[in-house]
């Protein structure tokens, strides 16, 4: 599922999540945390970490796939929430602030 989320063509006006965001969203989706709880950033991070440790990336993806197969109507809303929560909690680093590549040593 992470590969699918990371490579889909975006809808107009909507960014495509990167691989890390997709994996984290799957873990949050597979966790017991509910959107109605309005979880804090700390709770989202703990849920992602705990679920990834418990299920692994493949286990999270399998659980997400199962939910989309069994309950597609509610799974879409939950994944939308999980992606939004992960995006808010784990901001994407700016490319402008990243240092450039290390210079290669030149051999004489």
N, C-alpha and C. Protein backbone atom coordinates (compact mmCIF):
# COMPACT_ATOMS: atom_id res chain seq x y z
N UNK A 1 0.83 -1.19 0.00
CA UNK A 1 0.00 0.00 0.00
C UNK A 1 0.87 1.25 0.00
N UNK A 2 1.97 1.25 0.76
CA UNK A 2 2.84 2.42 0.79
C UNK A 2 3.36 2.73 -0.60
N UNK A 3 3.69 1.69 -1.36
CA UNK A 3 4.18 1.92 -2.71
C UNK A 3 3.09 2.54 -3.57
N UNK A 4 1.86 2.09 -3.39
CA UNK A 4 0.75 2.63 -4.16
C UNK A 4 0.54 4.09 -3.79
N UNK A 5 0.49 4.40 -2.50
CA UNK A 5 0.28 5.77 -2.06
C UNK A 5 1.40 6.68 -2.51
N UNK A 6 2.61 6.18 -2.53
CA UNK A 6 3.77 7.00 -2.87
C UNK A 6 3.92 7.23 -4.37
N UNK A 7 3.25 6.44 -5.22
CA UNK A 7 3.45 6.58 -6.65
C UNK A 7 2.21 6.99 -7.41
N UNK A 8 1.09 7.16 -6.76
CA UNK A 8 -0.13 7.56 -7.43
C UNK A 8 -0.01 8.97 -7.99
N UNK A 9 -0.69 9.23 -9.08
CA UNK A 9 -0.76 10.57 -9.63
C UNK A 9 -1.67 11.39 -8.73
N UNK A 10 -1.22 12.59 -8.33
CA UNK A 10 -2.03 13.36 -7.40
C UNK A 10 -3.29 13.93 -8.04
N UNK A 11 -4.29 14.12 -7.21
CA UNK A 11 -5.47 14.84 -7.66
C UNK A 11 -5.10 16.31 -7.71
N UNK A 12 -5.74 17.07 -8.55
CA UNK A 12 -5.41 18.50 -8.62
C UNK A 12 -5.51 19.16 -7.25
N UNK A 13 -4.46 19.87 -6.87
CA UNK A 13 -4.45 20.57 -5.60
C UNK A 13 -4.11 19.71 -4.40
N UNK A 14 -3.81 18.43 -4.60
CA UNK A 14 -3.48 17.56 -3.48
C UNK A 14 -2.12 16.92 -3.70
N UNK A 15 -1.22 17.07 -2.73
CA UNK A 15 0.11 16.49 -2.89
C UNK A 15 0.07 14.98 -2.69
N UNK A 16 1.01 14.29 -3.29
CA UNK A 16 1.15 12.85 -3.12
C UNK A 16 2.06 12.63 -1.92
N UNK A 17 1.65 11.77 -0.97
CA UNK A 17 2.52 11.53 0.17
C UNK A 17 3.77 10.77 -0.25
N UNK A 18 4.88 11.06 0.43
CA UNK A 18 6.10 10.32 0.19
C UNK A 18 6.01 8.96 0.85
N UNK A 19 7.01 8.15 0.65
CA UNK A 19 7.00 6.80 1.20
C UNK A 19 6.93 6.79 2.72
N UNK A 20 7.72 7.65 3.39
CA UNK A 20 7.68 7.68 4.85
C UNK A 20 6.31 8.10 5.34
N UNK A 21 5.72 9.10 4.71
CA UNK A 21 4.38 9.56 5.12
C UNK A 21 3.36 8.45 4.90
N UNK A 22 3.47 7.73 3.80
CA UNK A 22 2.52 6.66 3.52
C UNK A 22 2.64 5.54 4.55
N UNK A 23 3.86 5.15 4.89
CA UNK A 23 4.06 4.09 5.89
C UNK A 23 3.55 4.54 7.25
N UNK A 24 3.84 5.77 7.62
CA UNK A 24 3.35 6.29 8.90
C UNK A 24 1.82 6.36 8.91
N UNK A 25 1.23 6.78 7.81
CA UNK A 25 -0.23 6.86 7.73
C UNK A 25 -0.85 5.47 7.84
N UNK A 26 -0.23 4.48 7.21
CA UNK A 26 -0.73 3.11 7.34
C UNK A 26 -0.65 2.64 8.79
N UNK A 27 0.43 2.98 9.47
CA UNK A 27 0.57 2.58 10.87
C UNK A 27 -0.47 3.27 11.74
N UNK A 28 -0.71 4.54 11.51
CA UNK A 28 -1.73 5.25 12.28
C UNK A 28 -3.10 4.68 11.97
N UNK A 29 -3.35 4.40 10.71
CA UNK A 29 -4.62 3.78 10.28
C UNK A 29 -4.83 2.46 11.03
N UNK A 30 -3.77 1.65 11.13
CA UNK A 30 -3.87 0.33 11.76
C UNK A 30 -3.88 0.39 13.28
N UNK A 31 -3.59 1.55 13.85
CA UNK A 31 -3.57 1.69 15.31
C UNK A 31 -4.99 1.79 15.87
N UNK A 32 -5.08 1.82 17.18
CA UNK A 32 -6.40 1.95 17.82
C UNK A 32 -6.81 3.41 18.00
N UNK A 33 -5.94 4.35 17.65
CA UNK A 33 -6.25 5.77 17.81
C UNK A 33 -7.40 6.15 16.88
N UNK A 34 -8.34 6.90 17.42
CA UNK A 34 -9.51 7.32 16.66
C UNK A 34 -9.47 8.81 16.36
N UNK A 35 -9.94 9.21 15.18
CA UNK A 35 -9.97 10.64 14.85
C UNK A 35 -10.79 11.45 15.85
N UNK A 36 -11.83 10.86 16.40
CA UNK A 36 -12.69 11.57 17.34
C UNK A 36 -11.97 11.95 18.63
N UNK A 37 -10.81 11.33 18.88
CA UNK A 37 -10.03 11.66 20.07
C UNK A 37 -9.28 12.98 19.90
N UNK A 38 -9.19 13.49 18.69
CA UNK A 38 -8.35 14.66 18.39
C UNK A 38 -6.98 14.45 19.02
N UNK A 39 -6.27 13.39 18.57
CA UNK A 39 -5.00 13.03 19.21
C UNK A 39 -3.94 14.12 19.11
N UNK A 40 -3.17 14.23 20.16
CA UNK A 40 -2.06 15.18 20.18
C UNK A 40 -0.95 14.66 19.26
N UNK A 41 -0.05 15.54 18.86
CA UNK A 41 1.08 15.07 18.04
C UNK A 41 1.88 13.96 18.73
N UNK A 42 2.03 14.07 20.05
CA UNK A 42 2.77 13.04 20.77
C UNK A 42 2.05 11.69 20.70
N UNK A 43 0.73 11.69 20.82
CA UNK A 43 -0.03 10.45 20.74
C UNK A 43 0.07 9.86 19.34
N UNK A 44 0.02 10.69 18.32
CA UNK A 44 0.15 10.20 16.94
C UNK A 44 1.52 9.55 16.74
N UNK A 45 2.58 10.21 17.21
CA UNK A 45 3.94 9.63 17.08
C UNK A 45 4.04 8.30 17.82
N UNK A 46 3.51 8.24 19.04
CA UNK A 46 3.57 6.99 19.81
C UNK A 46 2.77 5.89 19.13
N UNK A 47 1.60 6.23 18.60
CA UNK A 47 0.77 5.23 17.92
C UNK A 47 1.48 4.69 16.68
N UNK A 48 2.09 5.57 15.91
CA UNK A 48 2.82 5.15 14.71
C UNK A 48 3.97 4.23 15.10
N UNK A 49 4.77 4.64 16.07
CA UNK A 49 5.92 3.85 16.49
C UNK A 49 5.50 2.50 17.05
N UNK A 50 4.52 2.51 17.92
CA UNK A 50 4.06 1.27 18.55
C UNK A 50 3.48 0.30 17.53
N UNK A 51 2.68 0.82 16.61
CA UNK A 51 2.05 -0.04 15.61
C UNK A 51 3.07 -0.60 14.64
N UNK A 52 4.04 0.22 14.24
CA UNK A 52 5.09 -0.30 13.35
C UNK A 52 5.92 -1.38 14.04
N UNK A 53 6.20 -1.19 15.31
CA UNK A 53 6.95 -2.23 16.04
C UNK A 53 6.13 -3.51 16.18
N UNK A 54 4.84 -3.36 16.40
CA UNK A 54 3.96 -4.51 16.64
C UNK A 54 3.67 -5.27 15.34
N UNK A 55 3.35 -4.54 14.27
CA UNK A 55 2.92 -5.20 13.03
C UNK A 55 3.97 -5.20 11.92
N UNK A 56 4.90 -4.24 11.96
CA UNK A 56 5.84 -4.09 10.86
C UNK A 56 5.15 -3.40 9.69
N UNK A 57 5.92 -3.02 8.69
CA UNK A 57 5.34 -2.30 7.55
C UNK A 57 4.38 -3.19 6.76
N UNK A 58 4.74 -4.44 6.58
CA UNK A 58 3.87 -5.36 5.83
C UNK A 58 2.58 -5.65 6.58
N UNK A 59 2.68 -5.79 7.90
CA UNK A 59 1.48 -6.03 8.69
C UNK A 59 0.53 -4.86 8.65
N UNK A 60 1.08 -3.65 8.71
CA UNK A 60 0.24 -2.45 8.61
C UNK A 60 -0.44 -2.40 7.25
N UNK A 61 0.33 -2.65 6.20
CA UNK A 61 -0.23 -2.63 4.84
C UNK A 61 -1.32 -3.68 4.69
N UNK A 62 -1.10 -4.86 5.26
CA UNK A 62 -2.10 -5.92 5.17
C UNK A 62 -3.38 -5.53 5.89
N UNK A 63 -3.24 -4.90 7.04
CA UNK A 63 -4.43 -4.49 7.79
C UNK A 63 -5.19 -3.39 7.03
N UNK A 64 -4.46 -2.46 6.46
CA UNK A 64 -5.10 -1.40 5.67
C UNK A 64 -5.83 -2.02 4.47
N UNK A 65 -5.17 -2.93 3.77
CA UNK A 65 -5.80 -3.57 2.62
C UNK A 65 -7.06 -4.32 3.01
N UNK A 66 -7.00 -5.01 4.14
CA UNK A 66 -8.17 -5.73 4.62
C UNK A 66 -9.35 -4.81 4.91
N UNK A 67 -9.05 -3.68 5.53
CA UNK A 67 -10.11 -2.72 5.84
C UNK A 67 -10.69 -2.10 4.57
N UNK A 68 -9.84 -1.83 3.59
CA UNK A 68 -10.35 -1.29 2.33
C UNK A 68 -11.20 -2.33 1.61
N UNK A 69 -10.86 -3.61 1.76
CA UNK A 69 -11.67 -4.66 1.15
C UNK A 69 -12.98 -4.86 1.87
N UNK A 70 -12.96 -4.82 3.20
CA UNK A 70 -14.16 -5.09 4.00
C UNK A 70 -15.05 -3.87 4.19
N UNK A 71 -14.45 -2.71 4.37
CA UNK A 71 -15.22 -1.49 4.68
C UNK A 71 -14.66 -0.30 3.90
N UNK A 72 -14.77 -0.30 2.58
CA UNK A 72 -14.16 0.77 1.80
C UNK A 72 -14.72 2.16 2.12
N UNK A 73 -15.98 2.23 2.47
CA UNK A 73 -16.59 3.54 2.76
C UNK A 73 -15.96 4.20 3.98
N UNK A 74 -15.70 3.45 5.04
CA UNK A 74 -15.09 4.03 6.24
C UNK A 74 -13.57 4.07 6.14
N UNK A 75 -12.99 3.15 5.38
CA UNK A 75 -11.53 3.12 5.25
C UNK A 75 -11.01 4.36 4.54
N UNK A 76 -11.72 4.85 3.57
CA UNK A 76 -11.28 6.04 2.84
C UNK A 76 -11.20 7.23 3.79
N UNK A 77 -12.23 7.42 4.60
CA UNK A 77 -12.24 8.54 5.54
C UNK A 77 -11.12 8.39 6.58
N UNK A 78 -10.89 7.16 7.05
CA UNK A 78 -9.84 6.95 8.04
C UNK A 78 -8.46 7.20 7.44
N UNK A 79 -8.22 6.76 6.21
CA UNK A 79 -6.92 7.01 5.59
C UNK A 79 -6.72 8.49 5.32
N UNK A 80 -7.78 9.16 4.91
CA UNK A 80 -7.67 10.61 4.69
C UNK A 80 -7.26 11.31 6.00
N UNK A 81 -7.88 10.90 7.11
CA UNK A 81 -7.53 11.46 8.42
C UNK A 81 -6.09 11.10 8.79
N UNK A 82 -5.72 9.84 8.59
CA UNK A 82 -4.36 9.40 8.95
C UNK A 82 -3.30 10.16 8.16
N UNK A 83 -3.52 10.36 6.88
CA UNK A 83 -2.56 11.12 6.07
C UNK A 83 -2.47 12.57 6.53
N UNK A 84 -3.60 13.17 6.85
CA UNK A 84 -3.60 14.55 7.33
C UNK A 84 -2.88 14.66 8.67
N UNK A 85 -3.14 13.72 9.56
CA UNK A 85 -2.51 13.74 10.89
C UNK A 85 -0.99 13.55 10.76
N UNK A 86 -0.57 12.62 9.95
CA UNK A 86 0.85 12.36 9.77
C UNK A 86 1.53 13.56 9.13
N UNK A 87 0.89 14.16 8.16
CA UNK A 87 1.46 15.35 7.51
C UNK A 87 1.63 16.49 8.50
N UNK A 88 0.67 16.64 9.40
CA UNK A 88 0.76 17.70 10.41
C UNK A 88 1.83 17.42 11.45
N UNK A 89 1.99 16.17 11.82
CA UNK A 89 2.92 15.81 12.90
C UNK A 89 4.35 15.64 12.41
N UNK A 90 4.52 15.13 11.20
CA UNK A 90 5.84 14.91 10.63
C UNK A 90 6.00 15.82 9.41
N UNK A 91 6.33 17.09 9.62
CA UNK A 91 6.46 17.99 8.47
C UNK A 91 7.60 17.56 7.55
N UNK A 92 7.39 17.80 6.28
CA UNK A 92 8.40 17.47 5.28
C UNK A 92 9.51 18.52 5.36
N UNK A 93 10.76 18.10 5.49
CA UNK A 93 11.85 19.07 5.55
C UNK A 93 11.96 19.86 4.25
N UNK A 94 12.28 21.10 4.39
CA UNK A 94 12.42 21.97 3.24
C UNK A 94 13.68 21.61 2.46
N UNK A 95 13.57 21.57 1.17
CA UNK A 95 14.73 21.26 0.33
C UNK A 95 15.70 22.43 0.29
N UNK A 96 15.19 23.65 0.53
CA UNK A 96 16.07 24.80 0.48
C UNK A 96 16.99 24.88 1.68
N UNK A 97 16.59 24.27 2.81
CA UNK A 97 17.43 24.33 3.99
C UNK A 97 18.41 23.16 4.08
N UNK A 98 18.25 22.19 3.19
CA UNK A 98 19.13 21.02 3.20
C UNK A 98 20.49 21.41 2.63
N UNK A 99 21.55 20.92 3.25
CA UNK A 99 22.87 21.22 2.69
C UNK A 99 23.06 20.51 1.36
N UNK A 100 23.92 21.07 0.55
CA UNK A 100 24.21 20.48 -0.74
C UNK A 100 25.02 19.21 -0.59
N UNK A 101 25.28 18.54 -1.69
CA UNK A 101 26.07 17.30 -1.62
C UNK A 101 27.50 17.61 -1.18
N UNK A 102 28.08 16.65 -0.52
CA UNK A 102 29.47 16.81 -0.08
C UNK A 102 30.35 16.86 -1.30
N UNK A 103 31.33 17.75 -1.31
CA UNK A 103 32.23 17.80 -2.47
C UNK A 103 33.09 16.54 -2.51
N UNK A 104 33.32 16.07 -3.69
CA UNK A 104 34.16 14.89 -3.87
C UNK A 104 35.62 15.32 -3.85
N UNK A 105 36.44 14.50 -3.24
CA UNK A 105 37.88 14.80 -3.21
C UNK A 105 38.43 14.56 -4.60
N UNK A 106 39.26 15.44 -5.03
CA UNK A 106 39.85 15.30 -6.37
C UNK A 106 41.22 14.63 -6.25
N UNK A 107 41.40 13.66 -7.09
CA UNK A 107 42.70 12.99 -7.14
C UNK A 107 43.60 13.74 -8.11
N UNK A 108 44.84 13.92 -7.75
CA UNK A 108 45.76 14.66 -8.64
C UNK A 108 46.35 13.75 -9.66
